[in-house]
Amino acid sequence: APGTCVLARAVATRDTRWVCDEAWTRAMCERLPGATLGD
């Protein structure tokens, strides 16, 4: 729904995928427990 927070595991185009920094993403997740994690 509008207002849903999405934290990226990775960013993808149709031919490339960049993985996000795991430790930093984990630190953000801890502060945003309601966020949805995915690409």
Full PDB file with SEQRES, HELIX, SHEET, SSBOND, CRYST1, ORIGX, SCALE, CONECT and MASTER records, all heavy atoms in Angstrom:
SEQRES   1 A   39  ALA PRO GLY THR CYS VAL LEU ALA ARG ALA VAL ALA THR          
SEQRES   2 A   39  ARG ASP THR ARG TRP VAL CYS ASP GLU ALA TRP THR ARG          
SEQRES   3 A   39  ALA MET CYS GLU ARG LEU PRO GLY ALA THR LEU GLY ASP          
HELIX    1 AA1 GLU A   22  ARG A   31  1                                  10    
SHEET    1 AA1 2 VAL A   6  ALA A   8  0                                        
SHEET    2 AA1 2 THR A  36  GLY A  38  1                                        
SHEET    1 AA2 2 ALA A  10  ALA A  12  0                                        
SHEET    2 AA2 2 ARG A  17  VAL A  19 -1                                        
CRYST1    1.000    1.000    1.000  90.00  90.00  90.00 P 1           1          
ORIGX1      1.000000  0.000000  0.000000        0.00000                         
ORIGX2      0.000000  1.000000  0.000000        0.00000                         
ORIGX3      0.000000  0.000000  1.000000        0.00000                         
SCALE1      1.000000  0.000000  0.000000        0.00000                         
SCALE2      0.000000  1.000000  0.000000        0.00000                         
SCALE3      0.000000  0.000000  1.000000        0.00000                         
ATOM      1  N   ALA A   1       0.830  -1.201   0.000  1.00  0.00           N  
ATOM      2  CA  ALA A   1       0.000   0.000   0.000  1.00  0.00           C  
ATOM      3  C   ALA A   1       0.867   1.254   0.000  1.00  0.00           C  
ATOM      4  O   ALA A   1       2.051   1.211   0.375  1.00  0.00           O  
ATOM      5  CB  ALA A   1      -0.900   0.002   1.237  1.00  0.00           C  
ATOM      6  N   PRO A   2       0.302   2.394  -0.413  1.00  0.00           N  
ATOM      7  CA  PRO A   2       1.047   3.649  -0.301  1.00  0.00           C  
ATOM      8  C   PRO A   2       1.522   3.855   1.135  1.00  0.00           C  
ATOM      9  O   PRO A   2       0.784   3.623   2.089  1.00  0.00           O  
ATOM     10  CB  PRO A   2       0.000   4.702  -0.692  1.00  0.00           C  
ATOM     11  CG  PRO A   2      -0.921   3.979  -1.628  1.00  0.00           C  
ATOM     12  CD  PRO A   2      -1.016   2.585  -1.074  1.00  0.00           C  
ATOM     13  N   GLY A   3       2.777   4.262   1.281  1.00  0.00           N  
ATOM     14  CA  GLY A   3       3.367   4.443   2.599  1.00  0.00           C  
ATOM     15  C   GLY A   3       4.172   3.258   3.090  1.00  0.00           C  
ATOM     16  O   GLY A   3       4.827   3.339   4.134  1.00  0.00           O  
ATOM     17  N   THR A   4       4.175   2.151   2.329  1.00  0.00           N  
ATOM     18  CA  THR A   4       4.970   0.982   2.710  1.00  0.00           C  
ATOM     19  C   THR A   4       6.459   1.267   2.502  1.00  0.00           C  
ATOM     20  O   THR A   4       6.876   1.674   1.425  1.00  0.00           O  
ATOM     21  CB  THR A   4       4.584  -0.242   1.869  1.00  0.00           C  
ATOM     22  OG1 THR A   4       3.200  -0.537   2.057  1.00  0.00           O  
ATOM     23  CG2 THR A   4       5.417  -1.464   2.268  1.00  0.00           C  
ATOM     24  N   CYS A   5       7.262   1.041   3.537  1.00  0.00           N  
ATOM     25  CA  CYS A   5       8.715   1.212   3.436  1.00  0.00           C  
ATOM     26  C   CYS A   5       9.342  -0.067   2.889  1.00  0.00           C  
ATOM     27  O   CYS A   5       9.088  -1.155   3.413  1.00  0.00           O  
ATOM     28  CB  CYS A   5       9.321   1.519   4.803  1.00  0.00           C  
ATOM     29  SG  CYS A   5       8.924   3.154   5.437  1.00  0.00           S  
ATOM     30  N   VAL A   6      10.155   0.079   1.864  1.00  0.00           N  
ATOM     31  CA  VAL A   6      10.869  -1.052   1.270  1.00  0.00           C  
ATOM     32  C   VAL A   6      12.366  -0.833   1.455  1.00  0.00           C  
ATOM     33  O   VAL A   6      12.921   0.153   0.957  1.00  0.00           O  
ATOM     34  CB  VAL A   6      10.541  -1.208  -0.223  1.00  0.00           C  
ATOM     35  CG1 VAL A   6      11.337  -2.372  -0.820  1.00  0.00           C  
ATOM     36  CG2 VAL A   6       9.040  -1.430  -0.429  1.00  0.00           C  
ATOM     37  N   LEU A   7      13.011  -1.741   2.163  1.00  0.00           N  
ATOM     38  CA  LEU A   7      14.467  -1.740   2.300  1.00  0.00           C  
ATOM     39  C   LEU A   7      15.030  -2.754   1.310  1.00  0.00           C  
ATOM     40  O   LEU A   7      14.573  -3.892   1.260  1.00  0.00           O  
ATOM     41  CB  LEU A   7      14.879  -2.131   3.720  1.00  0.00           C  
ATOM     42  CG  LEU A   7      15.029  -0.999   4.728  1.00  0.00           C  
ATOM     43  CD1 LEU A   7      15.234  -1.572   6.123  1.00  0.00           C  
ATOM     44  CD2 LEU A   7      16.192  -0.094   4.359  1.00  0.00           C  
ATOM     45  N   ALA A   8      16.006  -2.331   0.540  1.00  0.00           N  
ATOM     46  CA  ALA A   8      16.507  -3.183  -0.540  1.00  0.00           C  
ATOM     47  C   ALA A   8      17.539  -4.192  -0.060  1.00  0.00           C  
ATOM     48  O   ALA A   8      18.493  -3.833   0.632  1.00  0.00           O  
ATOM     49  CB  ALA A   8      17.107  -2.326  -1.634  1.00  0.00           C  
ATOM     50  N   ARG A   9      17.341  -5.443  -0.433  1.00  0.00           N  
ATOM     51  CA  ARG A   9      18.420  -6.431  -0.371  1.00  0.00           C  
ATOM     52  C   ARG A   9      19.389  -6.193  -1.526  1.00  0.00           C  
ATOM     53  O   ARG A   9      20.591  -6.377  -1.401  1.00  0.00           O  
ATOM     54  CB  ARG A   9      17.858  -7.849  -0.487  1.00  0.00           C  
ATOM     55  CG  ARG A   9      17.189  -8.401   0.748  1.00  0.00           C  
ATOM     56  CD  ARG A   9      17.074  -9.914   0.626  1.00  0.00           C  
ATOM     57  NE  ARG A   9      16.411 -10.490   1.771  1.00  0.00           N  
ATOM     58  CZ  ARG A   9      15.109 -10.797   1.831  1.00  0.00           C  
ATOM     59  NH1 ARG A   9      14.349 -10.571   0.773  1.00  0.00           N  
ATOM     60  NH2 ARG A   9      14.580 -11.318   2.914  1.00  0.00           N  
ATOM     61  N   ALA A  10      18.803  -5.820  -2.663  1.00  0.00           N  
ATOM     62  CA  ALA A  10      19.584  -5.558  -3.863  1.00  0.00           C  
ATOM     63  C   ALA A  10      18.788  -4.628  -4.759  1.00  0.00           C  
ATOM     64  O   ALA A  10      17.576  -4.462  -4.590  1.00  0.00           O  
ATOM     65  CB  ALA A  10      19.907  -6.858  -4.597  1.00  0.00           C  
ATOM     66  N   VAL A  11      19.481  -4.026  -5.725  1.00  0.00           N  
ATOM     67  CA  VAL A  11      18.848  -3.207  -6.757  1.00  0.00           C  
ATOM     68  C   VAL A  11      19.088  -3.896  -8.091  1.00  0.00           C  
ATOM     69  O   VAL A  11      20.217  -4.313  -8.394  1.00  0.00           O  
ATOM     70  CB  VAL A  11      19.417  -1.782  -6.768  1.00  0.00           C  
ATOM     71  CG1 VAL A  11      18.928  -1.005  -7.986  1.00  0.00           C  
ATOM     72  CG2 VAL A  11      19.028  -1.055  -5.479  1.00  0.00           C  
ATOM     73  N   ALA A  12      18.036  -4.018  -8.882  1.00  0.00           N  
ATOM     74  CA  ALA A  12      18.140  -4.796 -10.122  1.00  0.00           C  
ATOM     75  C   ALA A  12      17.593  -4.021 -11.310  1.00  0.00           C  
ATOM     76  O   ALA A  12      16.627  -3.269 -11.202  1.00  0.00           O  
ATOM     77  CB  ALA A  12      17.370  -6.101  -9.975  1.00  0.00           C  
ATOM     78  N   THR A  13      18.241  -4.217 -12.456  1.00  0.00           N  
ATOM     79  CA  THR A  13      17.660  -3.876 -13.745  1.00  0.00           C  
ATOM     80  C   THR A  13      17.371  -5.208 -14.442  1.00  0.00           C  
ATOM     81  O   THR A  13      17.530  -6.273 -13.859  1.00  0.00           O  
ATOM     82  CB  THR A  13      18.621  -3.022 -14.585  1.00  0.00           C  
ATOM     83  OG1 THR A  13      19.823  -3.771 -14.818  1.00  0.00           O  
ATOM     84  CG2 THR A  13      18.973  -1.727 -13.869  1.00  0.00           C  
ATOM     85  N   ARG A  14      16.975  -5.150 -15.700  1.00  0.00           N  
ATOM     86  CA  ARG A  14      16.663  -6.407 -16.384  1.00  0.00           C  
ATOM     87  C   ARG A  14      17.902  -7.271 -16.621  1.00  0.00           C  
ATOM     88  O   ARG A  14      17.790  -8.474 -16.826  1.00  0.00           O  
ATOM     89  CB  ARG A  14      15.955  -6.122 -17.715  1.00  0.00           C  
ATOM     90  CG  ARG A  14      14.533  -5.583 -17.527  1.00  0.00           C  
ATOM     91  CD  ARG A  14      13.803  -5.468 -18.841  1.00  0.00           C  
ATOM     92  NE  ARG A  14      12.452  -4.931 -18.666  1.00  0.00           N  
ATOM     93  CZ  ARG A  14      11.389  -5.661 -18.391  1.00  0.00           C  
ATOM     94  NH1 ARG A  14      11.505  -6.964 -18.251  1.00  0.00           N  
ATOM     95  NH2 ARG A  14      10.201  -5.097 -18.238  1.00  0.00           N  
ATOM     96  N   ASP A  15      19.100  -6.675 -16.564  1.00  0.00           N  
ATOM     97  CA  ASP A  15      20.301  -7.467 -16.849  1.00  0.00           C  
ATOM     98  C   ASP A  15      21.401  -7.364 -15.789  1.00  0.00           C  
ATOM     99  O   ASP A  15      22.451  -7.990 -15.931  1.00  0.00           O  
ATOM    100  CB  ASP A  15      20.886  -7.089 -18.216  1.00  0.00           C  
ATOM    101  CG  ASP A  15      21.170  -5.603 -18.338  1.00  0.00           C  
ATOM    102  OD1 ASP A  15      21.073  -4.881 -17.321  1.00  0.00           O  
ATOM    103  OD2 ASP A  15      21.491  -5.161 -19.451  1.00  0.00           O  
ATOM    104  N   THR A  16      21.205  -6.581 -14.724  1.00  0.00           N  
ATOM    105  CA  THR A  16      22.234  -6.409 -13.697  1.00  0.00           C  
ATOM    106  C   THR A  16      21.581  -6.348 -12.317  1.00  0.00           C  
ATOM    107  O   THR A  16      20.462  -5.880 -12.179  1.00  0.00           O  
ATOM    108  CB  THR A  16      23.041  -5.115 -13.929  1.00  0.00           C  
ATOM    109  OG1 THR A  16      23.480  -5.062 -15.278  1.00  0.00           O  
ATOM    110  CG2 THR A  16      24.244  -5.024 -12.999  1.00  0.00           C  
ATOM    111  N   ARG A  17      22.330  -6.847 -11.321  1.00  0.00           N  
ATOM    112  CA  ARG A  17      21.832  -6.816  -9.946  1.00  0.00           C  
ATOM    113  C   ARG A  17      22.982  -6.432  -9.018  1.00  0.00           C  
ATOM    114  O   ARG A  17      24.045  -7.042  -9.062  1.00  0.00           O  
ATOM    115  CB  ARG A  17      21.267  -8.184  -9.543  1.00  0.00           C  
ATOM    116  CG  ARG A  17      20.568  -8.232  -8.192  1.00  0.00           C  
ATOM    117  CD  ARG A  17      19.897  -9.596  -8.008  1.00  0.00           C  
ATOM    118  NE  ARG A  17      19.154  -9.688  -6.768  1.00  0.00           N  
ATOM    119  CZ  ARG A  17      19.634 -10.173  -5.631  1.00  0.00           C  
ATOM    120  NH1 ARG A  17      20.902 -10.630  -5.590  1.00  0.00           N  
ATOM    121  NH2 ARG A  17      18.908 -10.225  -4.538  1.00  0.00           N  
ATOM    122  N   TRP A  18      22.769  -5.400  -8.201  1.00  0.00           N  
ATOM    123  CA  TRP A  18      23.763  -4.945  -7.239  1.00  0.00           C  
ATOM    124  C   TRP A  18      23.268  -5.262  -5.831  1.00  0.00           C  
ATOM    125  O   TRP A  18      22.183  -4.811  -5.428  1.00  0.00           O  
ATOM    126  CB  TRP A  18      23.987  -3.442  -7.351  1.00  0.00           C  
ATOM    127  CG  TRP A  18      24.526  -2.974  -8.662  1.00  0.00           C  
ATOM    128  CD1 TRP A  18      25.831  -2.852  -9.031  1.00  0.00           C  
ATOM    129  CD2 TRP A  18      23.761  -2.530  -9.804  1.00  0.00           C  
ATOM    130  NE1 TRP A  18      25.939  -2.366 -10.315  1.00  0.00           N  
ATOM    131  CE2 TRP A  18      24.678  -2.157 -10.804  1.00  0.00           C  
ATOM    132  CE3 TRP A  18      22.380  -2.405 -10.055  1.00  0.00           C  
ATOM    133  CZ2 TRP A  18      24.270  -1.678 -12.044  1.00  0.00           C  
ATOM    134  CZ3 TRP A  18      21.974  -1.938 -11.279  1.00  0.00           C  
ATOM    135  CH2 TRP A  18      22.912  -1.577 -12.271  1.00  0.00           C  
ATOM    136  N   VAL A  19      24.047  -5.999  -5.065  1.00  0.00           N  
ATOM    137  CA  VAL A  19      23.656  -6.374  -3.709  1.00  0.00           C  
ATOM    138  C   VAL A  19      23.987  -5.233  -2.754  1.00  0.00           C  
ATOM    139  O   VAL A  19      25.071  -4.644  -2.817  1.00  0.00           O  
ATOM    140  CB  VAL A  19      24.383  -7.664  -3.277  1.00  0.00           C  
ATOM    141  CG1 VAL A  19      24.036  -8.015  -1.833  1.00  0.00           C  
ATOM    142  CG2 VAL A  19      24.004  -8.802  -4.212  1.00  0.00           C  
ATOM    143  N   CYS A  20      23.055  -4.910  -1.869  1.00  0.00           N  
ATOM    144  CA  CYS A  20      23.263  -3.845  -0.889  1.00  0.00           C  
ATOM    145  C   CYS A  20      24.173  -4.313   0.242  1.00  0.00           C  
ATOM    146  O   CYS A  20      24.310  -5.515   0.492  1.00  0.00           O  
ATOM    147  CB  CYS A  20      21.921  -3.385  -0.322  1.00  0.00           C  
ATOM    148  SG  CYS A  20      20.852  -2.605  -1.563  1.00  0.00           S  
ATOM    149  N   ASP A  21      24.784  -3.348   0.917  1.00  0.00           N  
ATOM    150  CA  ASP A  21      25.666  -3.663   2.036  1.00  0.00           C  
ATOM    151  C   ASP A  21      24.861  -4.343   3.151  1.00  0.00           C  
ATOM    152  O   ASP A  21      23.914  -3.767   3.686  1.00  0.00           O  
ATOM    153  CB  ASP A  21      26.321  -2.388   2.554  1.00  0.00           C  
ATOM    154  CG  ASP A  21      27.345  -2.663   3.621  1.00  0.00           C  
ATOM    155  OD1 ASP A  21      28.496  -2.962   3.276  1.00  0.00           O  
ATOM    156  OD2 ASP A  21      26.986  -2.598   4.814  1.00  0.00           O  
ATOM    157  N   GLU A  22      25.256  -5.560   3.495  1.00  0.00           N  
ATOM    158  CA  GLU A  22      24.461  -6.363   4.428  1.00  0.00           C  
ATOM    159  C   GLU A  22      24.424  -5.757   5.832  1.00  0.00           C  
ATOM    160  O   GLU A  22      23.359  -5.683   6.457  1.00  0.00           O  
ATOM    161  CB  GLU A  22      25.028  -7.779   4.486  1.00  0.00           C  
ATOM    162  CG  GLU A  22      24.203  -8.729   5.346  1.00  0.00           C  
ATOM    163  CD  GLU A  22      24.740 -10.142   5.326  1.00  0.00           C  
ATOM    164  OE1 GLU A  22      25.656 -10.420   4.523  1.00  0.00           O  
ATOM    165  OE2 GLU A  22      24.237 -10.969   6.109  1.00  0.00           O  
ATOM    166  N   ALA A  23      25.570  -5.330   6.338  1.00  0.00           N  
ATOM    167  CA  ALA A  23      25.612  -4.798   7.704  1.00  0.00           C  
ATOM    168  C   ALA A  23      24.812  -3.510   7.818  1.00  0.00           C  
ATOM    169  O   ALA A  23      24.073  -3.301   8.792  1.00  0.00           O  
ATOM    170  CB  ALA A  23      27.060  -4.564   8.126  1.00  0.00           C  
ATOM    171  N   TRP A  24      24.939  -2.644   6.838  1.00  0.00           N  
ATOM    172  CA  TRP A  24      24.204  -1.377   6.866  1.00  0.00           C  
ATOM    173  C   TRP A  24      22.703  -1.621   6.741  1.00  0.00           C  
ATOM    174  O   TRP A  24      21.899  -1.033   7.477  1.00  0.00           O  
ATOM    175  CB  TRP A  24      24.704  -0.481   5.740  1.00  0.00           C  
ATOM    176  CG  TRP A  24      24.226   0.939   5.800  1.00  0.00           C  
ATOM    177  CD1 TRP A  24      23.535   1.543   6.809  1.00  0.00           C  
ATOM    178  CD2 TRP A  24      24.410   1.932   4.800  1.00  0.00           C  
ATOM    179  NE1 TRP A  24      23.284   2.852   6.495  1.00  0.00           N  
ATOM    180  CE2 TRP A  24      23.814   3.117   5.269  1.00  0.00           C  
ATOM    181  CE3 TRP A  24      25.042   1.926   3.556  1.00  0.00           C  
ATOM    182  CZ2 TRP A  24      23.818   4.302   4.526  1.00  0.00           C  
ATOM    183  CZ3 TRP A  24      25.058   3.101   2.823  1.00  0.00           C  
ATOM    184  CH2 TRP A  24      24.448   4.274   3.298  1.00  0.00           C  
ATOM    185  N   THR A  25      22.313  -2.493   5.838  1.00  0.00           N  
ATOM    186  CA  THR A  25      20.890  -2.811   5.684  1.00  0.00           C  
ATOM    187  C   THR A  25      20.327  -3.401   6.959  1.00  0.00           C  
ATOM    188  O   THR A  25      19.197  -3.084   7.368  1.00  0.00           O  
ATOM    189  CB  THR A  25      20.694  -3.776   4.501  1.00  0.00           C  
ATOM    190  OG1 THR A  25      21.209  -3.174   3.310  1.00  0.00           O  
ATOM    191  CG2 THR A  25      19.220  -4.107   4.306  1.00  0.00           C  
ATOM    192  N   ARG A  26      21.097  -4.258   7.625  1.00  0.00           N  
ATOM    193  CA  ARG A  26      20.654  -4.841   8.881  1.00  0.00           C  
ATOM    194  C   ARG A  26      20.469  -3.760   9.952  1.00  0.00           C  
ATOM    195  O   ARG A  26      19.488  -3.776  10.714  1.00  0.00           O  
ATOM    196  CB  ARG A  26      21.649  -5.891   9.351  1.00  0.00           C  
ATOM    197  CG  ARG A  26      21.212  -6.636  10.619  1.00  0.00           C  
ATOM    198  CD  ARG A  26      22.056  -7.877  10.848  1.00  0.00           C  
ATOM    199  NE  ARG A  26      23.473  -7.565  10.970  1.00  0.00           N  
ATOM    200  CZ  ARG A  26      24.403  -7.897  10.078  1.00  0.00           C  
ATOM    201  NH1 ARG A  26      24.069  -8.558   8.970  1.00  0.00           N  
ATOM    202  NH2 ARG A  26      25.671  -7.584  10.267  1.00  0.00           N  
ATOM    203  N   ALA A  27      21.380  -2.795  10.011  1.00  0.00           N  
ATOM    204  CA  ALA A  27      21.255  -1.698  10.978  1.00  0.00           C  
ATOM    205  C   ALA A  27      20.005  -0.868  10.707  1.00  0.00           C  
ATOM    206  O   ALA A  27      19.309  -0.438  11.637  1.00  0.00           O  
ATOM    207  CB  ALA A  27      22.498  -0.812  10.921  1.00  0.00           C  
ATOM    208  N   MET A  28      19.693  -0.660   9.433  1.00  0.00           N  
ATOM    209  CA  MET A  28      18.489   0.078   9.082  1.00  0.00           C  
ATOM    210  C   MET A  28      17.240  -0.718   9.437  1.00  0.00           C  
ATOM    211  O   MET A  28      16.246  -0.160   9.931  1.00  0.00           O  
ATOM    212  CB  MET A  28      18.515   0.432   7.592  1.00  0.00           C  
ATOM    213  CG  MET A  28      19.628   1.410   7.225  1.00  0.00           C  
ATOM    214  SD  MET A  28      19.810   1.667   5.430  1.00  0.00           S  
ATOM    215  CE  MET A  28      18.418   2.744   5.112  1.00  0.00           C  
ATOM    216  N   CYS A  29      17.280  -2.025   9.196  1.00  0.00           N  
ATOM    217  CA  CYS A  29      16.137  -2.884   9.530  1.00  0.00           C  
ATOM    218  C   CYS A  29      15.819  -2.829  11.029  1.00  0.00           C  
ATOM    219  O   CYS A  29      14.651  -2.836  11.429  1.00  0.00           O  
ATOM    220  CB  CYS A  29      16.428  -4.329   9.133  1.00  0.00           C  
ATOM    221  SG  CYS A  29      16.166  -4.696   7.391  1.00  0.00           S  
ATOM    222  N   GLU A  30      16.861  -2.791  11.844  1.00  0.00           N  
ATOM    223  CA  GLU A  30      16.660  -2.759  13.292  1.00  0.00           C  
ATOM    224  C   GLU A  30      15.930  -1.491  13.725  1.00  0.00           C  
ATOM    225  O   GLU A  30      15.196  -1.502  14.710  1.00  0.00           O  
ATOM    226  CB  GLU A  30      18.005  -2.870  14.003  1.00  0.00           C  
ATOM    227  CG  GLU A  30      18.636  -4.255  13.874  1.00  0.00           C  
ATOM    228  CD  GLU A  30      20.052  -4.305  14.407  1.00  0.00           C  
ATOM    229  OE1 GLU A  30      20.570  -3.230  14.828  1.00  0.00           O  
ATOM    230  OE2 GLU A  30      20.638  -5.398  14.411  1.00  0.00           O  
ATOM    231  N   ARG A  31      16.120  -0.408  12.992  1.00  0.00           N  
ATOM    232  CA  ARG A  31      15.461   0.849  13.325  1.00  0.00           C  
ATOM    233  C   ARG A  31      14.111   1.016  12.623  1.00  0.00           C  
ATOM    234  O   ARG A  31      13.330   1.898  12.980  1.00  0.00           O  
ATOM    235  CB  ARG A  31      16.377   2.018  12.965  1.00  0.00           C  
ATOM    236  CG  ARG A  31      17.687   1.972  13.746  1.00  0.00           C  
ATOM    237  CD  ARG A  31      18.489   3.231  13.577  1.00  0.00           C  
ATOM    238  NE  ARG A  31      19.782   3.118  14.262  1.00  0.00           N  
ATOM    239  CZ  ARG A  31      20.589   4.144  14.494  1.00  0.00           C  
ATOM    240  NH1 ARG A  31      20.238   5.352  14.105  1.00  0.00           N  
ATOM    241  NH2 ARG A  31      21.748   3.955  15.102  1.00  0.00           N  
ATOM    242  N   LEU A  32      13.871   0.171  11.617  1.00  0.00           N  
ATOM    243  CA  LEU A  32      12.608   0.226  10.874  1.00  0.00           C  
ATOM    244  C   LEU A  32      11.978  -1.166  10.857  1.00  0.00           C  
ATOM    245  O   LEU A  32      11.906  -1.822   9.821  1.00  0.00           O  
ATOM    246  CB  LEU A  32      12.862   0.699   9.441  1.00  0.00           C  
ATOM    247  CG  LEU A  32      13.496   2.080   9.279  1.00  0.00           C  
ATOM    248  CD1 LEU A  32      13.870   2.318   7.822  1.00  0.00           C  
ATOM    249  CD2 LEU A  32      12.561   3.171   9.775  1.00  0.00           C  
ATOM    250  N   PRO A  33      11.510  -1.639  12.019  1.00  0.00           N  
ATOM    251  CA  PRO A  33      11.023  -3.021  12.093  1.00  0.00           C  
ATOM    252  C   PRO A  33       9.816  -3.307  11.208  1.00  0.00           C  
ATOM    253  O   PRO A  33       9.543  -4.460  10.888  1.00  0.00           O  
ATOM    254  CB  PRO A  33      10.692  -3.187  13.576  1.00  0.00           C  
ATOM    255  CG  PRO A  33      10.476  -1.800  14.086  1.00  0.00           C  
ATOM    256  CD  PRO A  33      11.417  -0.940  13.312  1.00  0.00           C  
ATOM    257  N   GLY A  34       9.089  -2.290  10.792  1.00  0.00           N  
ATOM    258  CA  GLY A  34       7.936  -2.516   9.930  1.00  0.00           C  
ATOM    259  C   GLY A  34       8.237  -2.505   8.459  1.00  0.00           C  
ATOM    260  O   GLY A  34       7.340  -2.707   7.624  1.00  0.00           O  
ATOM    261  N   ALA A  35       9.496  -2.295   8.088  1.00  0.00           N  
ATOM    262  CA  ALA A  35       9.855  -2.215   6.673  1.00  0.00           C  
ATOM    263  C   ALA A  35       9.803  -3.585   6.012  1.00  0.00           C  
ATOM    264  O   ALA A  35      10.021  -4.619   6.646  1.00  0.00           O  
ATOM    265  CB  ALA A  35      11.244  -1.617   6.516  1.00  0.00           C  
ATOM    266  N   THR A  36       9.520  -3.591   4.715  1.00  0.00           N  
ATOM    267  CA  THR A  36       9.513  -4.808   3.908  1.00  0.00           C  
ATOM    268  C   THR A  36      10.869  -4.933   3.224  1.00  0.00           C  
ATOM    269  O   THR A  36      11.364  -3.978   2.619  1.00  0.00           O  
ATOM    270  CB  THR A  36       8.399  -4.747   2.858  1.00  0.00           C  
ATOM    271  OG1 THR A  36       7.132  -4.610   3.525  1.00  0.00           O  
ATOM    272  CG2 THR A  36       8.382  -6.010   2.012  1.00  0.00           C  
ATOM    273  N   LEU A  37      11.472  -6.119   3.311  1.00  0.00           N  
ATOM    274  CA  LEU A  37      12.795  -6.343   2.760  1.00  0.00           C  
ATOM    275  C   LEU A  37      12.688  -7.093   1.432  1.00  0.00           C  
ATOM    276  O   LEU A  37      11.992  -8.110   1.338  1.00  0.00           O  
ATOM    277  CB  LEU A  37      13.626  -7.159   3.749  1.00  0.00           C  
ATOM    278  CG  LEU A  37      15.137  -7.259   3.522  1.00  0.00           C  
ATOM    279  CD1 LEU A  37      15.793  -5.882   3.584  1.00  0.00           C  
ATOM    280  CD2 LEU A  37      15.748  -8.186   4.556  1.00  0.00           C  
ATOM    281  N   GLY A  38      13.348  -6.594   0.400  1.00  0.00           N  
ATOM    282  CA  GLY A  38      13.312  -7.255  -0.900  1.00  0.00           C  
ATOM    283  C   GLY A  38      14.053  -6.435  -1.932  1.00  0.00           C  
ATOM    284  O   GLY A  38      14.639  -5.399  -1.620  1.00  0.00           O  
ATOM    285  N   ASP A  39      14.042  -6.876  -3.174  1.00  0.00           N  
ATOM    286  CA  ASP A  39      14.750  -6.163  -4.235  1.00  0.00           C  
ATOM    287  C   ASP A  39      13.964  -4.937  -4.689  1.00  0.00           C  
ATOM    288  O   ASP A  39      12.726  -4.903  -4.639  1.00  0.00           O  
ATOM    289  CB  ASP A  39      14.989  -7.071  -5.438  1.00  0.00           C  
ATOM    290  CG  ASP A  39      16.127  -8.051  -5.205  1.00  0.00           C  
ATOM    291  OD1 ASP A  39      16.630  -8.135  -4.066  1.00  0.00           O  
ATOM    292  OD2 ASP A  39      16.506  -8.741  -6.174  1.00  0.00           O  
TER     293      ASP A  39                                                      
MASTER        0    0    0    1    4    0    0    6  292    1    0    3          
END                                                                             
